[in-house]
């Protein structure tokens, strides 16, 4: 049973920067938390934006999306177990695999009865979110992807591979918080992450116990067919063509050293009809490095899908 102090601490994560109240989905003994914001009178024809984050971020990464679009449509932003304001089970109590996170997203879609979904996903959130909505395609209206992948990785960046080294990898990621701290600089290209954004992104990951998901995400990157997530990603890649009838927007930071332009090209091959916006000077954290451009692109994409125009325009 959780204490009141735990609840208060969880609810107050970066509250001054991210004032949105979180809902709770009970998954066995653990609580998965999510933001669910919408206008007072929701237009039933408006899209529901489902935001799925990667590693080492959380729903805070989508704060500008919530601010801009929640006054006009429903916006749901999940915190994966181990991330953000969600509970952080020990590694022996939750598998921390792509498939497990996918199943949690499916459960959230069903529990909240989300329809007319536009998936907005980044980093690991792309594979997790796409594999979830692939099983709920009847509820899906479109896709917006930011620097992600949905196939077995064609390479492993050295700076990520170092976090998997025996003996030193986990202590560096969980003990020194090197992965999350490095991400606050290495994911940016055209600008620097502000002090407030840095504080907000790091807020949930303030101890060894609270960094368990960061470490497990790194270790869930499959490099060989023997890794269980390799087959899950192969299945996802084989099913990408099933989304070909949907509107798709790809927004790509072209200076990303992790999800490099060749990842974008693989999506373009399977979805030649997709709308593509290449942000030439932008790094991996698209929503931090080029928020205005990304939001404007999303606005143009969402308007034909039923997004109401802003009040007063």
C-alpha atoms as a PDB file:
ATOM      1  CA  UNK A   1       0.000   0.000   0.000  1.00  0.00           C
ATOM      2  CA  UNK A   2       1.378   3.380  -1.002  1.00  0.00           C
ATOM      3  CA  UNK A   3       1.902   6.087   1.548  1.00  0.00           C
ATOM      4  CA  UNK A   4       0.475   9.579   1.308  1.00  0.00           C
ATOM      5  CA  UNK A   5       4.034  10.910   1.080  1.00  0.00           C
ATOM      6  CA  UNK A   6       4.693   8.699  -1.947  1.00  0.00           C
ATOM      7  CA  UNK A   7       1.530   9.962  -3.632  1.00  0.00           C
ATOM      8  CA  UNK A   8       2.415  13.586  -2.923  1.00  0.00           C
ATOM      9  CA  UNK A   9       5.962  13.181  -4.196  1.00  0.00           C
ATOM     10  CA  UNK A  10       4.772  11.437  -7.341  1.00  0.00           C
ATOM     11  CA  UNK A  11       2.111  14.036  -8.085  1.00  0.00           C
ATOM     12  CA  UNK A  12       4.507  16.924  -7.536  1.00  0.00           C
ATOM     13  CA  UNK A  13       7.181  15.891 -10.063  1.00  0.00           C
ATOM     14  CA  UNK A  14       8.102  19.121 -11.852  1.00  0.00           C
ATOM     15  CA  UNK A  15       4.633  20.419 -10.970  1.00  0.00           C
ATOM     16  CA  UNK A  16       5.588  24.019 -11.691  1.00  0.00           C
ATOM     17  CA  UNK A  17       6.616  23.005 -15.213  1.00  0.00           C
ATOM     18  CA  UNK A  18       4.072  20.231 -15.810  1.00  0.00           C
ATOM     19  CA  UNK A  19       0.871  21.072 -13.945  1.00  0.00           C
ATOM     20  CA  UNK A  20      -1.254  18.293 -15.414  1.00  0.00           C
ATOM     21  CA  UNK A  21      -2.897  15.831 -13.049  1.00  0.00           C
ATOM     22  CA  UNK A  22      -2.187  12.180 -13.721  1.00  0.00           C
ATOM     23  CA  UNK A  23      -4.712   9.396 -13.966  1.00  0.00           C
ATOM     24  CA  UNK A  24      -3.945   5.914 -12.683  1.00  0.00           C
ATOM     25  CA  UNK A  25      -4.254   2.515 -14.306  1.00  0.00           C
ATOM     26  CA  UNK A  26      -3.814  -0.391 -11.907  1.00  0.00           C
ATOM     27  CA  UNK A  27      -1.587  -3.129 -13.325  1.00  0.00           C
ATOM     28  CA  UNK A  28      -1.443  -5.786 -10.654  1.00  0.00           C
ATOM     29  CA  UNK A  29       0.297  -4.228  -7.643  1.00  0.00           C
ATOM     30  CA  UNK A  30       1.614  -1.278  -9.676  1.00  0.00           C
ATOM     31  CA  UNK A  31       0.134   1.978 -10.960  1.00  0.00           C
ATOM     32  CA  UNK A  32       0.744   3.193 -14.468  1.00  0.00           C
ATOM     33  CA  UNK A  33       0.132   6.920 -14.687  1.00  0.00           C
ATOM     34  CA  UNK A  34      -0.930   9.043 -17.612  1.00  0.00           C
ATOM     35  CA  UNK A  35      -2.106  12.534 -18.452  1.00  0.00           C
ATOM     36  CA  UNK A  36      -5.588  12.804 -19.953  1.00  0.00           C
ATOM     37  CA  UNK A  37      -6.518  16.343 -20.918  1.00  0.00           C
ATOM     38  CA  UNK A  38      -9.403  17.529 -23.076  1.00  0.00           C
ATOM     39  CA  UNK A  39     -11.694  20.529 -23.586  1.00  0.00           C
ATOM     40  CA  UNK A  40     -14.850  20.819 -21.478  1.00  0.00           C
ATOM     41  CA  UNK A  41     -17.017  20.033 -24.496  1.00  0.00           C
ATOM     42  CA  UNK A  42     -15.131  17.518 -26.633  1.00  0.00           C
ATOM     43  CA  UNK A  43     -15.953  17.384 -30.341  1.00  0.00           C
ATOM     44  CA  UNK A  44     -16.618  13.707 -31.028  1.00  0.00           C
ATOM     45  CA  UNK A  45     -15.130  14.141 -34.510  1.00  0.00           C
ATOM     46  CA  UNK A  46     -11.868  15.525 -33.144  1.00  0.00           C
ATOM     47  CA  UNK A  47      -8.832  13.264 -32.958  1.00  0.00           C
ATOM     48  CA  UNK A  48      -7.467  11.831 -29.730  1.00  0.00           C
ATOM     49  CA  UNK A  49      -3.705  12.340 -29.627  1.00  0.00           C
ATOM     50  CA  UNK A  50      -2.010   9.420 -27.878  1.00  0.00           C
ATOM     51  CA  UNK A  51       1.541  10.408 -26.909  1.00  0.00           C
ATOM     52  CA  UNK A  52       4.027   7.597 -26.276  1.00  0.00           C
ATOM     53  CA  UNK A  53       7.491   8.510 -25.027  1.00  0.00           C
ATOM     54  CA  UNK A  54      10.852   6.766 -25.246  1.00  0.00           C
ATOM     55  CA  UNK A  55      13.969   6.508 -23.108  1.00  0.00           C
ATOM     56  CA  UNK A  56      14.939   8.381 -20.931  1.00  0.00           C
ATOM     57  CA  UNK A  57      11.976  10.765 -21.189  1.00  0.00           C
ATOM     58  CA  UNK A  58       8.405  10.694 -19.855  1.00  0.00           C
ATOM     59  CA  UNK A  59       5.083  12.430 -20.576  1.00  0.00           C
ATOM     60  CA  UNK A  60       6.773  15.751 -19.720  1.00  0.00           C
ATOM     61  CA  UNK A  61       8.398  15.545 -23.177  1.00  0.00           C
ATOM     62  CA  UNK A  62       4.943  16.220 -24.687  1.00  0.00           C
ATOM     63  CA  UNK A  63       4.025  19.188 -22.470  1.00  0.00           C
ATOM     64  CA  UNK A  64       3.870  21.609 -25.405  1.00  0.00           C
ATOM     65  CA  UNK A  65       1.606  19.217 -27.334  1.00  0.00           C
ATOM     66  CA  UNK A  66      -0.769  19.121 -24.368  1.00  0.00           C
ATOM     67  CA  UNK A  67      -0.680  22.891 -23.973  1.00  0.00           C
ATOM     68  CA  UNK A  68      -1.412  23.545 -27.644  1.00  0.00           C
ATOM     69  CA  UNK A  69      -3.937  20.857 -28.511  1.00  0.00           C
ATOM     70  CA  UNK A  70      -5.745  19.848 -25.305  1.00  0.00           C
ATOM     71  CA  UNK A  71      -7.973  22.968 -25.432  1.00  0.00           C
ATOM     72  CA  UNK A  72      -9.354  21.576 -28.711  1.00  0.00           C
ATOM     73  CA  UNK A  73      -9.097  17.775 -28.533  1.00  0.00           C
ATOM     74  CA  UNK A  74      -8.304  14.964 -26.141  1.00  0.00           C
ATOM     75  CA  UNK A  75      -4.600  14.405 -25.471  1.00  0.00           C
ATOM     76  CA  UNK A  76      -3.413  11.332 -23.564  1.00  0.00           C
ATOM     77  CA  UNK A  77       0.260  10.968 -22.617  1.00  0.00           C
ATOM     78  CA  UNK A  78       1.431   7.767 -20.971  1.00  0.00           C
ATOM     79  CA  UNK A  79       4.256   7.227 -18.496  1.00  0.00           C
ATOM     80  CA  UNK A  80       5.570   3.702 -19.031  1.00  0.00           C
ATOM     81  CA  UNK A  81       6.037   1.639 -15.892  1.00  0.00           C
ATOM     82  CA  UNK A  82       9.403   2.644 -14.462  1.00  0.00           C
ATOM     83  CA  UNK A  83       9.143   6.114 -15.993  1.00  0.00           C
ATOM     84  CA  UNK A  84       7.781   9.517 -15.084  1.00  0.00           C
ATOM     85  CA  UNK A  85       5.102   9.443 -12.403  1.00  0.00           C
ATOM     86  CA  UNK A  86       4.360   5.731 -12.852  1.00  0.00           C
ATOM     87  CA  UNK A  87       5.484   3.167 -10.307  1.00  0.00           C
ATOM     88  CA  UNK A  88       8.991   1.815 -10.759  1.00  0.00           C
ATOM     89  CA  UNK A  89       8.988  -1.922 -10.054  1.00  0.00           C
ATOM     90  CA  UNK A  90      12.281  -3.719  -9.473  1.00  0.00           C
ATOM     91  CA  UNK A  91      13.596  -5.543 -12.539  1.00  0.00           C
ATOM     92  CA  UNK A  92      12.604  -8.909 -11.063  1.00  0.00           C
ATOM     93  CA  UNK A  93       8.966  -7.799 -10.660  1.00  0.00           C
ATOM     94  CA  UNK A  94       8.282  -6.439 -14.176  1.00  0.00           C
ATOM     95  CA  UNK A  95       9.940  -7.630 -17.413  1.00  0.00           C
ATOM     96  CA  UNK A  96      10.718  -4.169 -18.853  1.00  0.00           C
ATOM     97  CA  UNK A  97      10.536  -5.429 -22.437  1.00  0.00           C
ATOM     98  CA  UNK A  98       9.065  -3.782 -25.489  1.00  0.00           C
ATOM     99  CA  UNK A  99       6.285  -6.381 -25.501  1.00  0.00           C
ATOM    100  CA  UNK A 100       5.404  -5.679 -21.865  1.00  0.00           C
ATOM    101  CA  UNK A 101       5.236  -1.918 -22.479  1.00  0.00           C
ATOM    102  CA  UNK A 102       3.166  -2.546 -25.630  1.00  0.00           C
ATOM    103  CA  UNK A 103       0.669  -4.596 -23.650  1.00  0.00           C
ATOM    104  CA  UNK A 104       0.349  -1.772 -21.119  1.00  0.00           C
ATOM    105  CA  UNK A 105      -0.425   0.726 -23.894  1.00  0.00           C
ATOM    106  CA  UNK A 106      -3.074  -1.637 -25.282  1.00  0.00           C
ATOM    107  CA  UNK A 107      -4.579  -1.923 -21.815  1.00  0.00           C
ATOM    108  CA  UNK A 108      -4.669   1.878 -21.512  1.00  0.00           C
ATOM    109  CA  UNK A 109      -6.362   2.249 -24.908  1.00  0.00           C
ATOM    110  CA  UNK A 110      -9.025  -0.243 -23.885  1.00  0.00           C
ATOM    111  CA  UNK A 111      -9.551   1.077 -20.350  1.00  0.00           C
ATOM    112  CA  UNK A 112      -9.926   4.678 -21.546  1.00  0.00           C
ATOM    113  CA  UNK A 113     -11.926   3.552 -24.608  1.00  0.00           C
ATOM    114  CA  UNK A 114      -9.787   5.707 -26.882  1.00  0.00           C
ATOM    115  CA  UNK A 115     -11.084   6.146 -30.418  1.00  0.00           C
ATOM    116  CA  UNK A 116     -10.113   8.241 -33.428  1.00  0.00           C
ATOM    117  CA  UNK A 117      -6.517   7.912 -32.195  1.00  0.00           C
ATOM    118  CA  UNK A 118      -3.610   9.743 -33.744  1.00  0.00           C
ATOM    119  CA  UNK A 119      -0.479   8.116 -32.374  1.00  0.00           C
ATOM    120  CA  UNK A 120       2.312  10.576 -31.589  1.00  0.00           C
ATOM    121  CA  UNK A 121       5.475   8.662 -30.744  1.00  0.00           C
ATOM    122  CA  UNK A 122       9.211   9.213 -30.312  1.00  0.00           C
ATOM    123  CA  UNK A 123      12.263   7.029 -29.712  1.00  0.00           C
ATOM    124  CA  UNK A 124      11.264   3.680 -28.094  1.00  0.00           C
ATOM    125  CA  UNK A 125       7.708   5.046 -28.104  1.00  0.00           C
ATOM    126  CA  UNK A 126       7.515   4.460 -31.848  1.00  0.00           C
ATOM    127  CA  UNK A 127       8.022   0.706 -31.649  1.00  0.00           C
ATOM    128  CA  UNK A 128       5.921   0.412 -28.493  1.00  0.00           C
ATOM    129  CA  UNK A 129       3.107   2.623 -29.750  1.00  0.00           C
ATOM    130  CA  UNK A 130       2.988   1.221 -33.278  1.00  0.00           C
ATOM    131  CA  UNK A 131       2.891  -2.358 -32.052  1.00  0.00           C
ATOM    132  CA  UNK A 132       0.057  -1.427 -29.668  1.00  0.00           C
ATOM    133  CA  UNK A 133      -2.140   0.400 -32.190  1.00  0.00           C
ATOM    134  CA  UNK A 134      -1.462  -2.323 -34.758  1.00  0.00           C
ATOM    135  CA  UNK A 135      -3.602  -4.511 -32.508  1.00  0.00           C
ATOM    136  CA  UNK A 136      -6.259  -1.776 -32.238  1.00  0.00           C
ATOM    137  CA  UNK A 137      -6.262  -0.524 -35.818  1.00  0.00           C
ATOM    138  CA  UNK A 138     -10.021  -0.017 -35.813  1.00  0.00           C
ATOM    139  CA  UNK A 139      -9.482   2.777 -33.282  1.00  0.00           C
ATOM    140  CA  UNK A 140      -6.710   4.484 -35.258  1.00  0.00           C
ATOM    141  CA  UNK A 141      -7.016   7.623 -37.412  1.00  0.00           C
ATOM    142  CA  UNK A 142      -3.393   8.521 -38.159  1.00  0.00           C
ATOM    143  CA  UNK A 143       0.277   8.459 -37.181  1.00  0.00           C
ATOM    144  CA  UNK A 144       2.818  11.126 -36.288  1.00  0.00           C
ATOM    145  CA  UNK A 145       6.327   9.818 -35.694  1.00  0.00           C
ATOM    146  CA  UNK A 146       9.366  11.693 -34.415  1.00  0.00           C
ATOM    147  CA  UNK A 147      12.813  10.099 -34.804  1.00  0.00           C
ATOM    148  CA  UNK A 148      12.094   6.480 -34.012  1.00  0.00           C
ATOM    149  CA  UNK A 149      12.281   2.977 -35.465  1.00  0.00           C
ATOM    150  CA  UNK A 150      10.002  -0.030 -35.909  1.00  0.00           C
ATOM    151  CA  UNK A 151      12.424  -2.713 -36.999  1.00  0.00           C
ATOM    152  CA  UNK A 152      15.468  -4.527 -35.585  1.00  0.00           C
ATOM    153  CA  UNK A 153      18.203  -1.918 -35.172  1.00  0.00           C
ATOM    154  CA  UNK A 154      20.599  -1.763 -38.140  1.00  0.00           C
ATOM    155  CA  UNK A 155      23.376  -0.450 -35.871  1.00  0.00           C
ATOM    156  CA  UNK A 156      24.219   0.344 -32.251  1.00  0.00           C
ATOM    157  CA  UNK A 157      25.642   3.818 -31.554  1.00  0.00           C
ATOM    158  CA  UNK A 158      28.843   3.475 -29.551  1.00  0.00           C
ATOM    159  CA  UNK A 159      27.724   5.851 -26.830  1.00  0.00           C
ATOM    160  CA  UNK A 160      24.693   3.632 -26.184  1.00  0.00           C
ATOM    161  CA  UNK A 161      26.672   0.409 -26.502  1.00  0.00           C
ATOM    162  CA  UNK A 162      28.968   1.654 -23.742  1.00  0.00           C
ATOM    163  CA  UNK A 163      25.982   1.669 -21.369  1.00  0.00           C
ATOM    164  CA  UNK A 164      25.683  -2.107 -21.853  1.00  0.00           C
ATOM    165  CA  UNK A 165      29.280  -2.969 -21.012  1.00  0.00           C
ATOM    166  CA  UNK A 166      29.599  -5.701 -18.394  1.00  0.00           C
ATOM    167  CA  UNK A 167      30.382  -4.585 -14.860  1.00  0.00           C
ATOM    168  CA  UNK A 168      30.396  -0.839 -15.576  1.00  0.00           C
ATOM    169  CA  UNK A 169      27.232  -0.339 -17.676  1.00  0.00           C
ATOM    170  CA  UNK A 170      24.498  -0.613 -15.070  1.00  0.00           C
ATOM    171  CA  UNK A 171      26.423   1.271 -12.351  1.00  0.00           C
ATOM    172  CA  UNK A 172      26.976   4.111 -14.823  1.00  0.00           C
ATOM    173  CA  UNK A 173      23.325   4.245 -15.903  1.00  0.00           C
ATOM    174  CA  UNK A 174      21.664   3.667 -12.528  1.00  0.00           C
ATOM    175  CA  UNK A 175      24.312   4.851 -10.114  1.00  0.00           C
ATOM    176  CA  UNK A 176      25.751   7.909 -11.860  1.00  0.00           C
ATOM    177  CA  UNK A 177      22.697   8.614 -14.059  1.00  0.00           C
ATOM    178  CA  UNK A 178      25.047   9.050 -17.019  1.00  0.00           C
ATOM    179  CA  UNK A 179      22.520   7.993 -19.677  1.00  0.00           C
ATOM    180  CA  UNK A 180      19.798  10.454 -18.679  1.00  0.00           C
ATOM    181  CA  UNK A 181      22.247  13.263 -17.979  1.00  0.00           C
ATOM    182  CA  UNK A 182      24.068  12.757 -21.268  1.00  0.00           C
ATOM    183  CA  UNK A 183      20.727  12.844 -23.064  1.00  0.00           C
ATOM    184  CA  UNK A 184      20.133  16.424 -21.924  1.00  0.00           C
ATOM    185  CA  UNK A 185      23.014  17.569 -24.135  1.00  0.00           C
ATOM    186  CA  UNK A 186      23.647  14.875 -26.759  1.00  0.00           C
ATOM    187  CA  UNK A 187      20.049  14.936 -28.027  1.00  0.00           C
ATOM    188  CA  UNK A 188      20.157  18.618 -28.943  1.00  0.00           C
ATOM    189  CA  UNK A 189      21.683  20.198 -32.055  1.00  0.00           C
ATOM    190  CA  UNK A 190      20.380  23.632 -32.961  1.00  0.00           C
ATOM    191  CA  UNK A 191      19.751  24.824 -29.385  1.00  0.00           C
ATOM    192  CA  UNK A 192      20.633  23.954 -25.801  1.00  0.00           C
ATOM    193  CA  UNK A 193      18.146  22.382 -23.438  1.00  0.00           C
ATOM    194  CA  UNK A 194      16.939  24.958 -20.943  1.00  0.00           C
ATOM    195  CA  UNK A 195      17.592  24.551 -17.236  1.00  0.00           C
ATOM    196  CA  UNK A 196      13.864  24.070 -16.628  1.00  0.00           C
ATOM    197  CA  UNK A 197      13.542  21.417 -19.340  1.00  0.00           C
ATOM    198  CA  UNK A 198      16.593  19.624 -17.966  1.00  0.00           C
ATOM    199  CA  UNK A 199      15.144  19.666 -14.477  1.00  0.00           C
ATOM    200  CA  UNK A 200      11.794  18.403 -15.707  1.00  0.00           C
ATOM    201  CA  UNK A 201      13.204  15.575 -17.801  1.00  0.00           C
ATOM    202  CA  UNK A 202      15.474  14.362 -14.998  1.00  0.00           C
ATOM    203  CA  UNK A 203      12.967  14.789 -12.160  1.00  0.00           C
ATOM    204  CA  UNK A 204      11.632  11.197 -12.053  1.00  0.00           C
ATOM    205  CA  UNK A 205      15.079   9.622 -12.242  1.00  0.00           C
ATOM    206  CA  UNK A 206      16.643  10.736  -8.990  1.00  0.00           C
ATOM    207  CA  UNK A 207      17.908   7.465  -7.499  1.00  0.00           C
ATOM    208  CA  UNK A 208      19.237   4.007  -8.303  1.00  0.00           C
ATOM    209  CA  UNK A 209      15.787   2.481  -7.828  1.00  0.00           C
ATOM    210  CA  UNK A 210      14.086   5.095  -9.986  1.00  0.00           C
ATOM    211  CA  UNK A 211      16.451   4.520 -12.930  1.00  0.00           C
ATOM    212  CA  UNK A 212      15.611   0.875 -13.406  1.00  0.00           C
ATOM    213  CA  UNK A 213      13.639   1.458 -16.632  1.00  0.00           C
ATOM    214  CA  UNK A 214      16.411   3.537 -18.201  1.00  0.00           C
ATOM    215  CA  UNK A 215      18.838   0.665 -17.784  1.00  0.00           C
ATOM    216  CA  UNK A 216      16.353  -1.972 -18.928  1.00  0.00           C
ATOM    217  CA  UNK A 217      15.400   0.003 -22.063  1.00  0.00           C
ATOM    218  CA  UNK A 218      19.066   0.110 -23.047  1.00  0.00           C
ATOM    219  CA  UNK A 219      19.394  -3.619 -22.503  1.00  0.00           C
ATOM    220  CA  UNK A 220      16.218  -4.371 -24.465  1.00  0.00           C
ATOM    221  CA  UNK A 221      17.805  -3.138 -27.697  1.00  0.00           C
ATOM    222  CA  UNK A 222      18.212  -6.402 -29.642  1.00  0.00           C
ATOM    223  CA  UNK A 223      21.398  -6.936 -31.630  1.00  0.00           C
ATOM    224  CA  UNK A 224      20.948 -10.649 -32.333  1.00  0.00           C
ATOM    225  CA  UNK A 225      18.061 -12.929 -33.221  1.00  0.00           C
ATOM    226  CA  UNK A 226      18.492 -14.710 -29.906  1.00  0.00           C
ATOM    227  CA  UNK A 227      17.246 -11.595 -28.101  1.00  0.00           C
ATOM    228  CA  UNK A 228      13.461 -11.941 -27.474  1.00  0.00           C
ATOM    229  CA  UNK A 229      12.712  -8.388 -28.627  1.00  0.00           C
ATOM    230  CA  UNK A 230      14.298  -9.046 -32.028  1.00  0.00           C
ATOM    231  CA  UNK A 231      11.347 -11.196 -33.107  1.00  0.00           C
ATOM    232  CA  UNK A 232       8.856  -8.665 -31.734  1.00  0.00           C
ATOM    233  CA  UNK A 233      10.434  -5.950 -33.871  1.00  0.00           C
ATOM    234  CA  UNK A 234      10.528  -8.228 -36.912  1.00  0.00           C
ATOM    235  CA  UNK A 235       6.802  -8.852 -36.526  1.00  0.00           C
ATOM    236  CA  UNK A 236       6.171  -5.126 -36.200  1.00  0.00           C
ATOM    237  CA  UNK A 237       8.186  -4.351 -39.319  1.00  0.00           C
ATOM    238  CA  UNK A 238       6.278  -7.009 -41.264  1.00  0.00           C
ATOM    239  CA  UNK A 239       3.011  -5.344 -40.262  1.00  0.00           C
ATOM    240  CA  UNK A 240       3.913  -1.740 -41.084  1.00  0.00           C
ATOM    241  CA  UNK A 241       2.172  -2.026 -44.446  1.00  0.00           C
ATOM    242  CA  UNK A 242      -1.115  -2.454 -42.585  1.00  0.00           C
ATOM    243  CA  UNK A 243      -0.973   1.285 -41.783  1.00  0.00           C
ATOM    244  CA  UNK A 244      -0.712   2.291 -45.447  1.00  0.00           C
ATOM    245  CA  UNK A 245      -4.339   3.396 -45.643  1.00  0.00           C
ATOM    246  CA  UNK A 246      -3.833   5.972 -42.884  1.00  0.00           C
ATOM    247  CA  UNK A 247      -2.576   9.558 -42.961  1.00  0.00           C
ATOM    248  CA  UNK A 248       1.028   9.521 -41.732  1.00  0.00           C
ATOM    249  CA  UNK A 249       3.331  12.398 -40.790  1.00  0.00           C
ATOM    250  CA  UNK A 250       7.066  11.836 -40.240  1.00  0.00           C
ATOM    251  CA  UNK A 251       8.892  14.694 -38.497  1.00  0.00           C
ATOM    252  CA  UNK A 252      12.624  14.079 -38.400  1.00  0.00           C
ATOM    253  CA  UNK A 253      15.550  15.783 -36.758  1.00  0.00           C
ATOM    254  CA  UNK A 254      18.233  15.201 -39.360  1.00  0.00           C
ATOM    255  CA  UNK A 255      21.120  15.759 -36.921  1.00  0.00           C
ATOM    256  CA  UNK A 256      20.100  12.816 -34.730  1.00  0.00           C
ATOM    257  CA  UNK A 257      23.070  10.456 -34.236  1.00  0.00           C
ATOM    258  CA  UNK A 258      20.822   7.709 -32.849  1.00  0.00           C
ATOM    259  CA  UNK A 259      17.781   7.435 -35.159  1.00  0.00           C
ATOM    260  CA  UNK A 260      19.706   8.618 -38.171  1.00  0.00           C
ATOM    261  CA  UNK A 261      18.199   9.578 -41.556  1.00  0.00           C
ATOM    262  CA  UNK A 262      18.443   5.973 -42.757  1.00  0.00           C
ATOM    263  CA  UNK A 263      15.700   5.127 -40.261  1.00  0.00           C
ATOM    264  CA  UNK A 264      13.501   7.744 -41.898  1.00  0.00           C
ATOM    265  CA  UNK A 265      14.262   6.286 -45.331  1.00  0.00           C
ATOM    266  CA  UNK A 266      13.100   2.844 -44.205  1.00  0.00           C
ATOM    267  CA  UNK A 267       9.740   4.306 -43.186  1.00  0.00           C
ATOM    268  CA  UNK A 268       9.490   6.161 -46.496  1.00  0.00           C
ATOM    269  CA  UNK A 269      10.025   2.913 -48.393  1.00  0.00           C
ATOM    270  CA  UNK A 270       7.084   1.208 -46.708  1.00  0.00           C
ATOM    271  CA  UNK A 271       4.908   4.362 -46.591  1.00  0.00           C
ATOM    272  CA  UNK A 272       5.610   6.292 -49.794  1.00  0.00           C
ATOM    273  CA  UNK A 273       2.452   8.352 -49.238  1.00  0.00           C
ATOM    274  CA  UNK A 274       3.610   9.686 -45.855  1.00  0.00           C
ATOM    275  CA  UNK A 275       4.063  13.396 -45.355  1.00  0.00           C
ATOM    276  CA  UNK A 276       7.711  14.003 -44.462  1.00  0.00           C
ATOM    277  CA  UNK A 277       9.196  17.035 -42.750  1.00  0.00           C
ATOM    278  CA  UNK A 278      12.980  16.997 -42.480  1.00  0.00           C
ATOM    279  CA  UNK A 279      14.296  19.457 -39.885  1.00  0.00           C
ATOM    280  CA  UNK A 280      17.826  20.006 -41.146  1.00  0.00           C
ATOM    281  CA  UNK A 281      19.491  21.339 -37.982  1.00  0.00           C
ATOM    282  CA  UNK A 282      17.442  19.471 -35.358  1.00  0.00           C
ATOM    283  CA  UNK A 283      18.680  16.685 -33.085  1.00  0.00           C
ATOM    284  CA  UNK A 284      17.008  13.703 -31.447  1.00  0.00           C
ATOM    285  CA  UNK A 285      14.802  15.606 -28.968  1.00  0.00           C
ATOM    286  CA  UNK A 286      12.665  17.147 -31.695  1.00  0.00           C
ATOM    287  CA  UNK A 287      10.098  18.567 -29.259  1.00  0.00           C
ATOM    288  CA  UNK A 288      12.863  20.333 -27.326  1.00  0.00           C
ATOM    289  CA  UNK A 289      15.145  21.366 -30.194  1.00  0.00           C
ATOM    290  CA  UNK A 290      12.476  22.591 -32.652  1.00  0.00           C
ATOM    291  CA  UNK A 291       9.151  22.786 -30.803  1.00  0.00           C
ATOM    292  CA  UNK A 292       7.590  25.593 -32.841  1.00  0.00           C
ATOM    293  CA  UNK A 293       8.295  23.921 -36.165  1.00  0.00           C
ATOM    294  CA  UNK A 294       7.110  20.523 -34.942  1.00  0.00           C
ATOM    295  CA  UNK A 295       3.872  21.914 -33.504  1.00  0.00           C
ATOM    296  CA  UNK A 296       3.099  23.849 -36.683  1.00  0.00           C
ATOM    297  CA  UNK A 297       3.572  20.686 -38.759  1.00  0.00           C
ATOM    298  CA  UNK A 298       1.304  18.762 -36.386  1.00  0.00           C
ATOM    299  CA  UNK A 299      -1.345  21.493 -36.630  1.00  0.00           C
ATOM    300  CA  UNK A 300      -1.400  21.253 -40.424  1.00  0.00           C
ATOM    301  CA  UNK A 301      -1.575  17.457 -40.299  1.00  0.00           C
ATOM    302  CA  UNK A 302      -4.297  17.283 -37.641  1.00  0.00           C
ATOM    303  CA  UNK A 303      -6.633  19.918 -39.112  1.00  0.00           C
ATOM    304  CA  UNK A 304      -7.941  17.671 -41.928  1.00  0.00           C
ATOM    305  CA  UNK A 305      -8.432  14.915 -39.337  1.00  0.00           C
ATOM    306  CA  UNK A 306     -10.986  16.975 -37.425  1.00  0.00           C
ATOM    307  CA  UNK A 307      -8.904  19.172 -35.114  1.00  0.00           C
ATOM    308  CA  UNK A 308     -11.025  22.270 -34.396  1.00  0.00           C
ATOM    309  CA  UNK A 309      -9.500  25.614 -35.272  1.00  0.00           C
ATOM    310  CA  UNK A 310      -8.255  27.706 -32.341  1.00  0.00           C
ATOM    311  CA  UNK A 311     -10.844  29.926 -30.715  1.00  0.00           C
ATOM    312  CA  UNK A 312     -10.732  33.441 -32.093  1.00  0.00           C
ATOM    313  CA  UNK A 313      -9.250  32.575 -35.485  1.00  0.00           C
END
